[in-house]
């Protein structure tokens, strides 16, 4: 996945059905990125979900993963 975010962290959604990844938002801190995920996906965050939302740093490392349905 090519890095598209300009801030320290990007929130990316991987749509497994279409096999496409897109930038949802970006944040300066991990805490803010986590808030973005929880605000946007809320109850859709599950232990098992069809799609995946990742918080990614500027080097392309996945810092945290969330399964969403």
Protein backbone atom coordinates (compact mmCIF):
# COMPACT_ATOMS: atom_id res chain seq x y z
CA UNK A 1 0.00 0.00 0.00
CA UNK A 2 1.54 3.33 -0.99
CA UNK A 3 1.59 5.97 1.73
CA UNK A 4 -0.92 8.73 1.00
CA UNK A 5 -0.98 10.61 4.30
CA UNK A 6 1.08 13.70 5.09
CA UNK A 7 0.68 13.74 8.89
CA UNK A 8 2.44 11.29 11.23
CA UNK A 9 -0.31 8.66 11.01
CA UNK A 10 -2.84 7.65 8.41
CA UNK A 11 -6.06 5.72 8.95
CA UNK A 12 -6.63 3.34 6.03
CA UNK A 13 -9.64 1.16 5.25
CA UNK A 14 -9.07 -2.10 3.37
CA UNK A 15 -12.24 -3.22 1.60
CA UNK A 16 -11.68 -6.96 1.27
CA UNK A 17 -14.57 -7.45 -1.16
CA UNK A 18 -13.14 -5.02 -3.73
CA UNK A 19 -9.54 -5.53 -2.52
CA UNK A 20 -9.04 -1.77 -2.38
CA UNK A 21 -7.39 0.32 0.31
CA UNK A 22 -8.20 3.97 0.77
CA UNK A 23 -7.16 6.74 3.13
CA UNK A 24 -9.92 7.62 5.59
CA UNK A 25 -8.16 10.38 7.54
CA UNK A 26 -4.83 11.37 9.05
CA UNK A 27 -3.61 12.43 12.49
CA UNK A 28 -0.58 13.83 14.26
CA UNK A 29 -0.74 11.30 17.14
CA UNK A 30 -1.69 7.66 17.58
CA UNK A 31 -4.28 8.72 20.16
CA UNK A 32 -5.98 11.04 17.64
CA UNK A 33 -5.85 8.30 14.97
CA UNK A 34 -7.52 5.86 17.39
CA UNK A 35 -10.21 8.48 18.13
CA UNK A 36 -10.85 8.83 14.39
CA UNK A 37 -11.30 5.05 14.06
CA UNK A 38 -13.65 4.83 17.05
CA UNK A 39 -15.64 7.91 15.99
CA UNK A 40 -16.06 6.70 12.40
CA UNK A 41 -16.56 2.96 12.96
CA UNK A 42 -17.86 2.69 16.57
CA UNK A 43 -19.99 -0.45 16.90
CA UNK A 44 -18.71 -1.77 13.58
CA UNK A 45 -15.35 -2.65 15.24
CA UNK A 46 -15.45 -6.40 15.94
CA UNK A 47 -13.08 -9.25 16.79
CA UNK A 48 -13.88 -10.70 13.39
CA UNK A 49 -14.89 -8.48 10.51
CA UNK A 50 -14.80 -8.58 6.74
CA UNK A 51 -12.86 -5.33 6.35
CA UNK A 52 -9.79 -4.00 8.12
CA UNK A 53 -8.87 -0.50 9.28
CA UNK A 54 -5.19 0.18 9.93
CA UNK A 55 -3.29 3.00 11.58
CA UNK A 56 -0.09 3.41 9.58
CA UNK A 57 2.99 5.51 10.33
CA UNK A 58 4.99 7.55 7.79
CA UNK A 59 7.30 4.60 7.10
CA UNK A 60 4.38 2.37 6.14
CA UNK A 61 4.39 0.31 9.34
CA UNK A 62 0.99 -0.81 10.57
CA UNK A 63 0.78 0.42 14.16
CA UNK A 64 -2.68 -0.91 15.00
CA UNK A 65 -5.34 -2.99 13.20
CA UNK A 66 -9.10 -3.04 13.63
CA UNK A 67 -11.53 -5.54 12.12
CA UNK A 68 -14.75 -3.90 10.99
CA UNK A 69 -17.99 -5.13 9.52
